[in-house]
Full PDB file with SEQRES, HELIX, SHEET, SSBOND, CRYST1, ORIGX, SCALE, CONECT and MASTER records, all heavy atoms in Angstrom:
SEQRES   1 A   36  PHE LEU GLY ALA SER VAL PRO ALA ALA HIS LEU VAL SER          
SEQRES   2 A   36  TYR LEU HIS ARG ASP ASP ALA HIS ALA VAL ALA LEU ALA          
SEQRES   3 A   36  CYS ALA LEU PRO MET ARG LEU PRO HIS ALA                      
HELIX    1 AA1 ALA A    8  ARG A   17  1                                  10    
HELIX    2 AA2 PRO A   30  ARG A   32  5                                   3    
CRYST1    1.000    1.000    1.000  90.00  90.00  90.00 P 1           1          
ORIGX1      1.000000  0.000000  0.000000        0.00000                         
ORIGX2      0.000000  1.000000  0.000000        0.00000                         
ORIGX3      0.000000  0.000000  1.000000        0.00000                         
SCALE1      1.000000  0.000000  0.000000        0.00000                         
SCALE2      0.000000  1.000000  0.000000        0.00000                         
SCALE3      0.000000  0.000000  1.000000        0.00000                         
ATOM      1  N   PHE A   1     246.751  46.968 -25.672  1.00  0.00           N  
ATOM      2  CA  PHE A   1     246.271  47.872 -26.718  1.00  0.00           C  
ATOM      3  C   PHE A   1     246.760  47.365 -28.064  1.00  0.00           C  
ATOM      4  O   PHE A   1     247.962  47.314 -28.322  1.00  0.00           O  
ATOM      5  CB  PHE A   1     246.785  49.293 -26.464  1.00  0.00           C  
ATOM      6  CG  PHE A   1     246.378  50.276 -27.519  1.00  0.00           C  
ATOM      7  CD1 PHE A   1     245.038  50.579 -27.728  1.00  0.00           C  
ATOM      8  CD2 PHE A   1     247.333  50.895 -28.310  1.00  0.00           C  
ATOM      9  CE1 PHE A   1     244.655  51.480 -28.709  1.00  0.00           C  
ATOM     10  CE2 PHE A   1     246.963  51.802 -29.293  1.00  0.00           C  
ATOM     11  CZ  PHE A   1     245.618  52.091 -29.496  1.00  0.00           C  
ATOM     12  N   LEU A   2     245.820  46.996 -28.939  1.00  0.00           N  
ATOM     13  CA  LEU A   2     246.179  46.390 -30.223  1.00  0.00           C  
ATOM     14  C   LEU A   2     246.290  47.402 -31.358  1.00  0.00           C  
ATOM     15  O   LEU A   2     246.752  47.047 -32.446  1.00  0.00           O  
ATOM     16  CB  LEU A   2     245.163  45.309 -30.588  1.00  0.00           C  
ATOM     17  CG  LEU A   2     244.932  44.208 -29.546  1.00  0.00           C  
ATOM     18  CD1 LEU A   2     244.041  43.118 -30.130  1.00  0.00           C  
ATOM     19  CD2 LEU A   2     246.236  43.636 -29.038  1.00  0.00           C  
ATOM     20  N   GLY A   3     245.847  48.629 -31.139  1.00  0.00           N  
ATOM     21  CA  GLY A   3     246.039  49.666 -32.141  1.00  0.00           C  
ATOM     22  C   GLY A   3     244.941  49.746 -33.183  1.00  0.00           C  
ATOM     23  O   GLY A   3     243.825  49.264 -32.989  1.00  0.00           O  
ATOM     24  N   ALA A   4     245.301  50.335 -34.327  1.00  0.00           N  
ATOM     25  CA  ALA A   4     244.325  50.628 -35.378  1.00  0.00           C  
ATOM     26  C   ALA A   4     244.048  49.421 -36.261  1.00  0.00           C  
ATOM     27  O   ALA A   4     244.905  48.551 -36.435  1.00  0.00           O  
ATOM     28  CB  ALA A   4     244.841  51.778 -36.247  1.00  0.00           C  
ATOM     29  N   SER A   5     242.821  49.384 -36.792  1.00  0.00           N  
ATOM     30  CA  SER A   5     242.402  48.442 -37.838  1.00  0.00           C  
ATOM     31  C   SER A   5     242.897  47.023 -37.618  1.00  0.00           C  
ATOM     32  O   SER A   5     243.753  46.514 -38.354  1.00  0.00           O  
ATOM     33  CB  SER A   5     242.873  48.943 -39.215  1.00  0.00           C  
ATOM     34  OG  SER A   5     242.275  48.183 -40.242  1.00  0.00           O  
ATOM     35  N   VAL A   6     242.306  46.358 -36.643  1.00  0.00           N  
ATOM     36  CA  VAL A   6     242.652  44.959 -36.367  1.00  0.00           C  
ATOM     37  C   VAL A   6     241.606  44.052 -37.031  1.00  0.00           C  
ATOM     38  O   VAL A   6     240.418  44.158 -36.731  1.00  0.00           O  
ATOM     39  CB  VAL A   6     242.689  44.690 -34.851  1.00  0.00           C  
ATOM     40  CG1 VAL A   6     243.027  43.226 -34.571  1.00  0.00           C  
ATOM     41  CG2 VAL A   6     243.696  45.614 -34.173  1.00  0.00           C  
ATOM     42  N   PRO A   7     242.008  43.169 -37.941  1.00  0.00           N  
ATOM     43  CA  PRO A   7     241.047  42.260 -38.576  1.00  0.00           C  
ATOM     44  C   PRO A   7     240.345  41.386 -37.537  1.00  0.00           C  
ATOM     45  O   PRO A   7     240.958  40.977 -36.548  1.00  0.00           O  
ATOM     46  CB  PRO A   7     241.922  41.422 -39.517  1.00  0.00           C  
ATOM     47  CG  PRO A   7     243.128  42.266 -39.767  1.00  0.00           C  
ATOM     48  CD  PRO A   7     243.374  43.013 -38.495  1.00  0.00           C  
ATOM     49  N   ALA A   8     239.070  41.117 -37.768  1.00  0.00           N  
ATOM     50  CA  ALA A   8     238.267  40.370 -36.801  1.00  0.00           C  
ATOM     51  C   ALA A   8     238.884  39.013 -36.464  1.00  0.00           C  
ATOM     52  O   ALA A   8     238.952  38.623 -35.293  1.00  0.00           O  
ATOM     53  CB  ALA A   8     236.847  40.195 -37.330  1.00  0.00           C  
ATOM     54  N   ALA A   9     239.333  38.282 -37.490  1.00  0.00           N  
ATOM     55  CA  ALA A   9     239.893  36.949 -37.239  1.00  0.00           C  
ATOM     56  C   ALA A   9     241.131  37.019 -36.350  1.00  0.00           C  
ATOM     57  O   ALA A   9     241.330  36.171 -35.472  1.00  0.00           O  
ATOM     58  CB  ALA A   9     240.240  36.272 -38.571  1.00  0.00           C  
ATOM     59  N   HIS A  10     241.946  38.042 -36.545  1.00  0.00           N  
ATOM     60  CA  HIS A  10     243.157  38.191 -35.740  1.00  0.00           C  
ATOM     61  C   HIS A  10     242.808  38.569 -34.309  1.00  0.00           C  
ATOM     62  O   HIS A  10     243.453  38.111 -33.361  1.00  0.00           O  
ATOM     63  CB  HIS A  10     244.066  39.247 -36.360  1.00  0.00           C  
ATOM     64  CG  HIS A  10     244.634  38.849 -37.685  1.00  0.00           C  
ATOM     65  ND1 HIS A  10     245.980  38.683 -37.907  1.00  0.00           N  
ATOM     66  CD2 HIS A  10     244.034  38.556 -38.857  1.00  0.00           C  
ATOM     67  CE1 HIS A  10     246.188  38.313 -39.161  1.00  0.00           C  
ATOM     68  NE2 HIS A  10     245.012  38.236 -39.756  1.00  0.00           N  
ATOM     69  N   LEU A  11     241.793  39.418 -34.148  1.00  0.00           N  
ATOM     70  CA  LEU A  11     241.367  39.790 -32.803  1.00  0.00           C  
ATOM     71  C   LEU A  11     240.828  38.580 -32.054  1.00  0.00           C  
ATOM     72  O   LEU A  11     241.175  38.345 -30.890  1.00  0.00           O  
ATOM     73  CB  LEU A  11     240.308  40.888 -32.870  1.00  0.00           C  
ATOM     74  CG  LEU A  11     239.674  41.281 -31.530  1.00  0.00           C  
ATOM     75  CD1 LEU A  11     240.721  41.815 -30.556  1.00  0.00           C  
ATOM     76  CD2 LEU A  11     238.559  42.316 -31.738  1.00  0.00           C  
ATOM     77  N   VAL A  12     239.979  37.809 -32.702  1.00  0.00           N  
ATOM     78  CA  VAL A  12     239.401  36.631 -32.050  1.00  0.00           C  
ATOM     79  C   VAL A  12     240.492  35.627 -31.685  1.00  0.00           C  
ATOM     80  O   VAL A  12     240.482  35.037 -30.602  1.00  0.00           O  
ATOM     81  CB  VAL A  12     238.329  35.980 -32.954  1.00  0.00           C  
ATOM     82  CG1 VAL A  12     237.892  34.630 -32.391  1.00  0.00           C  
ATOM     83  CG2 VAL A  12     237.140  36.923 -33.105  1.00  0.00           C  
ATOM     84  N   SER A  13     241.450  35.440 -32.579  1.00  0.00           N  
ATOM     85  CA  SER A  13     242.570  34.547 -32.278  1.00  0.00           C  
ATOM     86  C   SER A  13     243.315  35.027 -31.048  1.00  0.00           C  
ATOM     87  O   SER A  13     243.695  34.233 -30.179  1.00  0.00           O  
ATOM     88  CB  SER A  13     243.511  34.483 -33.476  1.00  0.00           C  
ATOM     89  OG  SER A  13     244.649  33.699 -33.182  1.00  0.00           O  
ATOM     90  N   TYR A  14     243.501  36.344 -30.930  1.00  0.00           N  
ATOM     91  CA  TYR A  14     244.185  36.909 -29.765  1.00  0.00           C  
ATOM     92  C   TYR A  14     243.362  36.674 -28.503  1.00  0.00           C  
ATOM     93  O   TYR A  14     243.901  36.336 -27.443  1.00  0.00           O  
ATOM     94  CB  TYR A  14     244.406  38.401 -29.989  1.00  0.00           C  
ATOM     95  CG  TYR A  14     245.278  39.052 -28.946  1.00  0.00           C  
ATOM     96  CD1 TYR A  14     246.664  39.116 -29.113  1.00  0.00           C  
ATOM     97  CD2 TYR A  14     244.732  39.614 -27.794  1.00  0.00           C  
ATOM     98  CE1 TYR A  14     247.474  39.704 -28.165  1.00  0.00           C  
ATOM     99  CE2 TYR A  14     245.529  40.211 -26.837  1.00  0.00           C  
ATOM    100  CZ  TYR A  14     246.899  40.249 -27.025  1.00  0.00           C  
ATOM    101  OH  TYR A  14     247.696  40.829 -26.068  1.00  0.00           O  
ATOM    102  N   LEU A  15     242.049  36.853 -28.589  1.00  0.00           N  
ATOM    103  CA  LEU A  15     241.193  36.664 -27.420  1.00  0.00           C  
ATOM    104  C   LEU A  15     241.198  35.217 -26.946  1.00  0.00           C  
ATOM    105  O   LEU A  15     241.124  34.940 -25.741  1.00  0.00           O  
ATOM    106  CB  LEU A  15     239.757  37.106 -27.743  1.00  0.00           C  
ATOM    107  CG  LEU A  15     239.557  38.597 -28.003  1.00  0.00           C  
ATOM    108  CD1 LEU A  15     238.117  38.865 -28.430  1.00  0.00           C  
ATOM    109  CD2 LEU A  15     239.910  39.414 -26.771  1.00  0.00           C  
ATOM    110  N   HIS A  16     241.293  34.276 -27.882  1.00  0.00           N  
ATOM    111  CA  HIS A  16     241.334  32.867 -27.508  1.00  0.00           C  
ATOM    112  C   HIS A  16     242.630  32.527 -26.763  1.00  0.00           C  
ATOM    113  O   HIS A  16     242.652  31.638 -25.917  1.00  0.00           O  
ATOM    114  CB  HIS A  16     241.204  31.980 -28.755  1.00  0.00           C  
ATOM    115  CG  HIS A  16     239.796  31.811 -29.234  1.00  0.00           C  
ATOM    116  ND1 HIS A  16     238.792  31.281 -28.436  1.00  0.00           N  
ATOM    117  CD2 HIS A  16     239.201  32.084 -30.431  1.00  0.00           C  
ATOM    118  CE1 HIS A  16     237.659  31.235 -29.110  1.00  0.00           C  
ATOM    119  NE2 HIS A  16     237.879  31.729 -30.326  1.00  0.00           N  
ATOM    120  N   ARG A  17     243.693  33.253 -27.078  1.00  0.00           N  
ATOM    121  CA  ARG A  17     244.976  32.992 -26.413  1.00  0.00           C  
ATOM    122  C   ARG A  17     245.096  33.752 -25.095  1.00  0.00           C  
ATOM    123  O   ARG A  17     245.942  33.451 -24.263  1.00  0.00           O  
ATOM    124  CB  ARG A  17     246.144  33.406 -27.324  1.00  0.00           C  
ATOM    125  CG  ARG A  17     246.286  32.564 -28.584  1.00  0.00           C  
ATOM    126  CD  ARG A  17     247.597  32.858 -29.304  1.00  0.00           C  
ATOM    127  NE  ARG A  17     247.711  34.252 -29.747  1.00  0.00           N  
ATOM    128  CZ  ARG A  17     248.458  35.167 -29.147  1.00  0.00           C  
ATOM    129  NH1 ARG A  17     249.160  34.866 -28.075  1.00  0.00           N  
ATOM    130  NH2 ARG A  17     248.517  36.399 -29.623  1.00  0.00           N  
ATOM    131  N   ASP A  18     244.245  34.766 -24.929  1.00  0.00           N  
ATOM    132  CA  ASP A  18     244.384  35.679 -23.804  1.00  0.00           C  
ATOM    133  C   ASP A  18     243.163  35.551 -22.893  1.00  0.00           C  
ATOM    134  O   ASP A  18     242.035  35.538 -23.366  1.00  0.00           O  
ATOM    135  CB  ASP A  18     244.497  37.111 -24.334  1.00  0.00           C  
ATOM    136  CG  ASP A  18     245.117  38.051 -23.328  1.00  0.00           C  
ATOM    137  OD1 ASP A  18     246.317  37.906 -23.082  1.00  0.00           O  
ATOM    138  OD2 ASP A  18     244.391  38.906 -22.806  1.00  0.00           O  
ATOM    139  N   ASP A  19     243.388  35.457 -21.607  1.00  0.00           N  
ATOM    140  CA  ASP A  19     242.284  35.349 -20.662  1.00  0.00           C  
ATOM    141  C   ASP A  19     241.772  36.744 -20.331  1.00  0.00           C  
ATOM    142  O   ASP A  19     242.085  37.325 -19.291  1.00  0.00           O  
ATOM    143  CB  ASP A  19     242.761  34.636 -19.386  1.00  0.00           C  
ATOM    144  CG  ASP A  19     241.624  34.356 -18.419  1.00  0.00           C  
ATOM    145  OD1 ASP A  19     240.457  34.373 -18.866  1.00  0.00           O  
ATOM    146  OD2 ASP A  19     241.901  34.148 -17.227  1.00  0.00           O  
ATOM    147  N   ALA A  20     240.992  37.303 -21.251  1.00  0.00           N  
ATOM    148  CA  ALA A  20     240.570  38.697 -21.122  1.00  0.00           C  
ATOM    149  C   ALA A  20     239.303  38.825 -20.285  1.00  0.00           C  
ATOM    150  O   ALA A  20     238.369  38.030 -20.412  1.00  0.00           O  
ATOM    151  CB  ALA A  20     240.348  39.304 -22.504  1.00  0.00           C  
ATOM    152  N   HIS A  21     239.284  39.846 -19.450  1.00  0.00           N  
ATOM    153  CA  HIS A  21     238.086  40.189 -18.693  1.00  0.00           C  
ATOM    154  C   HIS A  21     237.033  40.775 -19.618  1.00  0.00           C  
ATOM    155  O   HIS A  21     235.832  40.556 -19.450  1.00  0.00           O  
ATOM    156  CB  HIS A  21     238.450  41.190 -17.595  1.00  0.00           C  
ATOM    157  CG  HIS A  21     237.294  41.670 -16.780  1.00  0.00           C  
ATOM    158  ND1 HIS A  21     236.748  40.925 -15.748  1.00  0.00           N  
ATOM    159  CD2 HIS A  21     236.560  42.825 -16.842  1.00  0.00           C  
ATOM    160  CE1 HIS A  21     235.746  41.597 -15.201  1.00  0.00           C  
ATOM    161  NE2 HIS A  21     235.609  42.744 -15.850  1.00  0.00           N  
ATOM    162  N   ALA A  22     237.483  41.542 -20.619  1.00  0.00           N  
ATOM    163  CA  ALA A  22     236.578  42.176 -21.579  1.00  0.00           C  
ATOM    164  C   ALA A  22     237.392  42.684 -22.764  1.00  0.00           C  
ATOM    165  O   ALA A  22     238.617  42.797 -22.707  1.00  0.00           O  
ATOM    166  CB  ALA A  22     235.817  43.329 -20.932  1.00  0.00           C  
ATOM    167  N   VAL A  23     236.682  43.021 -23.833  1.00  0.00           N  
ATOM    168  CA  VAL A  23     237.307  43.646 -24.994  1.00  0.00           C  
ATOM    169  C   VAL A  23     236.572  44.952 -25.275  1.00  0.00           C  
ATOM    170  O   VAL A  23     235.339  45.008 -25.253  1.00  0.00           O  
ATOM    171  CB  VAL A  23     237.290  42.716 -26.228  1.00  0.00           C  
ATOM    172  CG1 VAL A  23     235.880  42.287 -26.583  1.00  0.00           C  
ATOM    173  CG2 VAL A  23     237.959  43.400 -27.421  1.00  0.00           C  
ATOM    174  N   ALA A  24     237.349  46.024 -25.483  1.00  0.00           N  
ATOM    175  CA  ALA A  24     236.781  47.340 -25.783  1.00  0.00           C  
ATOM    176  C   ALA A  24     237.126  47.695 -27.223  1.00  0.00           C  
ATOM    177  O   ALA A  24     238.303  47.700 -27.601  1.00  0.00           O  
ATOM    178  CB  ALA A  24     237.345  48.386 -24.825  1.00  0.00           C  
ATOM    179  N   LEU A  25     236.104  47.981 -28.018  1.00  0.00           N  
ATOM    180  CA  LEU A  25     236.281  48.242 -29.450  1.00  0.00           C  
ATOM    181  C   LEU A  25     235.889  49.672 -29.791  1.00  0.00           C  
ATOM    182  O   LEU A  25     234.863  50.171 -29.316  1.00  0.00           O  
ATOM    183  CB  LEU A  25     235.425  47.267 -30.262  1.00  0.00           C  
ATOM    184  CG  LEU A  25     235.668  45.778 -30.015  1.00  0.00           C  
ATOM    185  CD1 LEU A  25     234.644  44.944 -30.765  1.00  0.00           C  
ATOM    186  CD2 LEU A  25     237.078  45.397 -30.421  1.00  0.00           C  
ATOM    187  N   ALA A  26     236.713  50.314 -30.619  1.00  0.00           N  
ATOM    188  CA  ALA A  26     236.475  51.710 -30.977  1.00  0.00           C  
ATOM    189  C   ALA A  26     236.097  51.844 -32.449  1.00  0.00           C  
ATOM    190  O   ALA A  26     236.636  51.148 -33.305  1.00  0.00           O  
ATOM    191  CB  ALA A  26     237.726  52.539 -30.701  1.00  0.00           C  
ATOM    192  N   CYS A  27     235.163  52.758 -32.723  1.00  0.00           N  
ATOM    193  CA  CYS A  27     234.749  53.045 -34.096  1.00  0.00           C  
ATOM    194  C   CYS A  27     234.387  54.524 -34.185  1.00  0.00           C  
ATOM    195  O   CYS A  27     233.509  54.994 -33.462  1.00  0.00           O  
ATOM    196  CB  CYS A  27     233.549  52.184 -34.477  1.00  0.00           C  
ATOM    197  SG  CYS A  27     232.935  52.449 -36.157  1.00  0.00           S  
ATOM    198  N   ALA A  28     235.066  55.257 -35.056  1.00  0.00           N  
ATOM    199  CA  ALA A  28     234.846  56.698 -35.176  1.00  0.00           C  
ATOM    200  C   ALA A  28     233.852  57.062 -36.267  1.00  0.00           C  
ATOM    201  O   ALA A  28     233.260  58.142 -36.227  1.00  0.00           O  
ATOM    202  CB  ALA A  28     236.177  57.408 -35.437  1.00  0.00           C  
ATOM    203  N   LEU A  29     233.663  56.183 -37.268  1.00  0.00           N  
ATOM    204  CA  LEU A  29     232.842  56.523 -38.418  1.00  0.00           C  
ATOM    205  C   LEU A  29     231.627  55.600 -38.516  1.00  0.00           C  
ATOM    206  O   LEU A  29     231.785  54.374 -38.625  1.00  0.00           O  
ATOM    207  CB  LEU A  29     233.665  56.419 -39.706  1.00  0.00           C  
ATOM    208  CG  LEU A  29     234.859  57.375 -39.801  1.00  0.00           C  
ATOM    209  CD1 LEU A  29     235.667  57.074 -41.062  1.00  0.00           C  
ATOM    210  CD2 LEU A  29     234.403  58.824 -39.792  1.00  0.00           C  
ATOM    211  N   PRO A  30     230.420  56.153 -38.517  1.00  0.00           N  
ATOM    212  CA  PRO A  30     229.222  55.312 -38.594  1.00  0.00           C  
ATOM    213  C   PRO A  30     229.155  54.444 -39.840  1.00  0.00           C  
ATOM    214  O   PRO A  30     228.486  53.405 -39.826  1.00  0.00           O  
ATOM    215  CB  PRO A  30     228.074  56.330 -38.577  1.00  0.00           C  
ATOM    216  CG  PRO A  30     228.638  57.527 -37.910  1.00  0.00           C  
ATOM    217  CD  PRO A  30     230.080  57.572 -38.327  1.00  0.00           C  
ATOM    218  N   MET A  31     229.821  54.833 -40.929  1.00  0.00           N  
ATOM    219  CA  MET A  31     229.756  54.003 -42.130  1.00  0.00           C  
ATOM    220  C   MET A  31     230.402  52.635 -41.904  1.00  0.00           C  
ATOM    221  O   MET A  31     230.206  51.721 -42.699  1.00  0.00           O  
ATOM    222  CB  MET A  31     230.407  54.713 -43.313  1.00  0.00           C  
ATOM    223  CG  MET A  31     231.911  54.823 -43.258  1.00  0.00           C  
ATOM    224  SD  MET A  31     232.556  55.573 -44.779  1.00  0.00           S  
ATOM    225  CE  MET A  31     234.316  55.486 -44.478  1.00  0.00           C  
ATOM    226  N   ARG A  32     231.168  52.489 -40.796  1.00  0.00           N  
ATOM    227  CA  ARG A  32     231.806  51.212 -40.484  1.00  0.00           C  
ATOM    228  C   ARG A  32     230.905  50.298 -39.651  1.00  0.00           C  
ATOM    229  O   ARG A  32     231.320  49.191 -39.293  1.00  0.00           O  
ATOM    230  CB  ARG A  32     233.108  51.450 -39.727  1.00  0.00           C  
ATOM    231  CG  ARG A  32     234.111  52.349 -40.402  1.00  0.00           C  
ATOM    232  CD  ARG A  32     234.630  51.787 -41.696  1.00  0.00           C  
ATOM    233  NE  ARG A  32     235.220  50.466 -41.537  1.00  0.00           N  
ATOM    234  CZ  ARG A  32     235.620  49.704 -42.539  1.00  0.00           C  
ATOM    235  NH1 ARG A  32     235.483  50.129 -43.785  1.00  0.00           N  
ATOM    236  NH2 ARG A  32     236.143  48.512 -42.319  1.00  0.00           N  
ATOM    237  N   LEU A  33     229.694  50.713 -39.346  1.00  0.00           N  
ATOM    238  CA  LEU A  33     228.844  49.942 -38.440  1.00  0.00           C  
ATOM    239  C   LEU A  33     228.567  48.504 -38.899  1.00  0.00           C  
ATOM    240  O   LEU A  33     228.592  47.582 -38.071  1.00  0.00           O  
ATOM    241  CB  LEU A  33     227.520  50.677 -38.192  1.00  0.00           C  
ATOM    242  CG  LEU A  33     227.610  51.842 -37.199  1.00  0.00           C  
ATOM    243  CD1 LEU A  33     226.282  52.588 -37.152  1.00  0.00           C  
ATOM    244  CD2 LEU A  33     228.001  51.360 -35.811  1.00  0.00           C  
ATOM    245  N   PRO A  34     228.285  48.251 -40.180  1.00  0.00           N  
ATOM    246  CA  PRO A  34     228.095  46.848 -40.574  1.00  0.00           C  
ATOM    247  C   PRO A  34     229.327  45.994 -40.294  1.00  0.00           C  
ATOM    248  O   PRO A  34     229.217  44.859 -39.819  1.00  0.00           O  
ATOM    249  CB  PRO A  34     227.802  46.938 -42.079  1.00  0.00           C  
ATOM    250  CG  PRO A  34     227.213  48.301 -42.261  1.00  0.00           C  
ATOM    251  CD  PRO A  34     227.975  49.172 -41.305  1.00  0.00           C  
ATOM    252  N   HIS A  35     230.527  46.541 -40.565  1.00  0.00           N  
ATOM    253  CA  HIS A  35     231.761  45.818 -40.252  1.00  0.00           C  
ATOM    254  C   HIS A  35     231.923  45.673 -38.731  1.00  0.00           C  
ATOM    255  O   HIS A  35     232.379  44.640 -38.246  1.00  0.00           O  
ATOM    256  CB  HIS A  35     232.960  46.560 -40.839  1.00  0.00           C  
ATOM    257  CG  HIS A  35     232.878  46.765 -42.313  1.00  0.00           C  
ATOM    258  ND1 HIS A  35     233.220  45.793 -43.225  1.00  0.00           N  
ATOM    259  CD2 HIS A  35     232.465  47.827 -43.044  1.00  0.00           C  
ATOM    260  CE1 HIS A  35     233.038  46.254 -44.450  1.00  0.00           C  
ATOM    261  NE2 HIS A  35     232.577  47.478 -44.372  1.00  0.00           N  
ATOM    262  N   ALA A  36     231.559  46.726 -38.000  1.00  0.00           N  
ATOM    263  CA  ALA A  36     231.650  46.668 -36.542  1.00  0.00           C  
ATOM    264  C   ALA A  36     230.769  45.560 -35.985  1.00  0.00           C  
ATOM    265  O   ALA A  36     231.179  44.829 -35.070  1.00  0.00           O  
ATOM    266  CB  ALA A  36     231.249  48.018 -35.948  1.00  0.00           C  
TER     267      ALA A  36                                                      
MASTER        0    0    0    2    0    0    0    6  266    1    0    3          
END                                                                             
């Protein structure tokens, strides 16, 4: 669990280091959809 507001580049860097089965992303506000 990486917590709140993780920058995309940092998340991708983490995924490259981690053999993940999947990534689950949360978004509560529709105004964030372009960023999502």
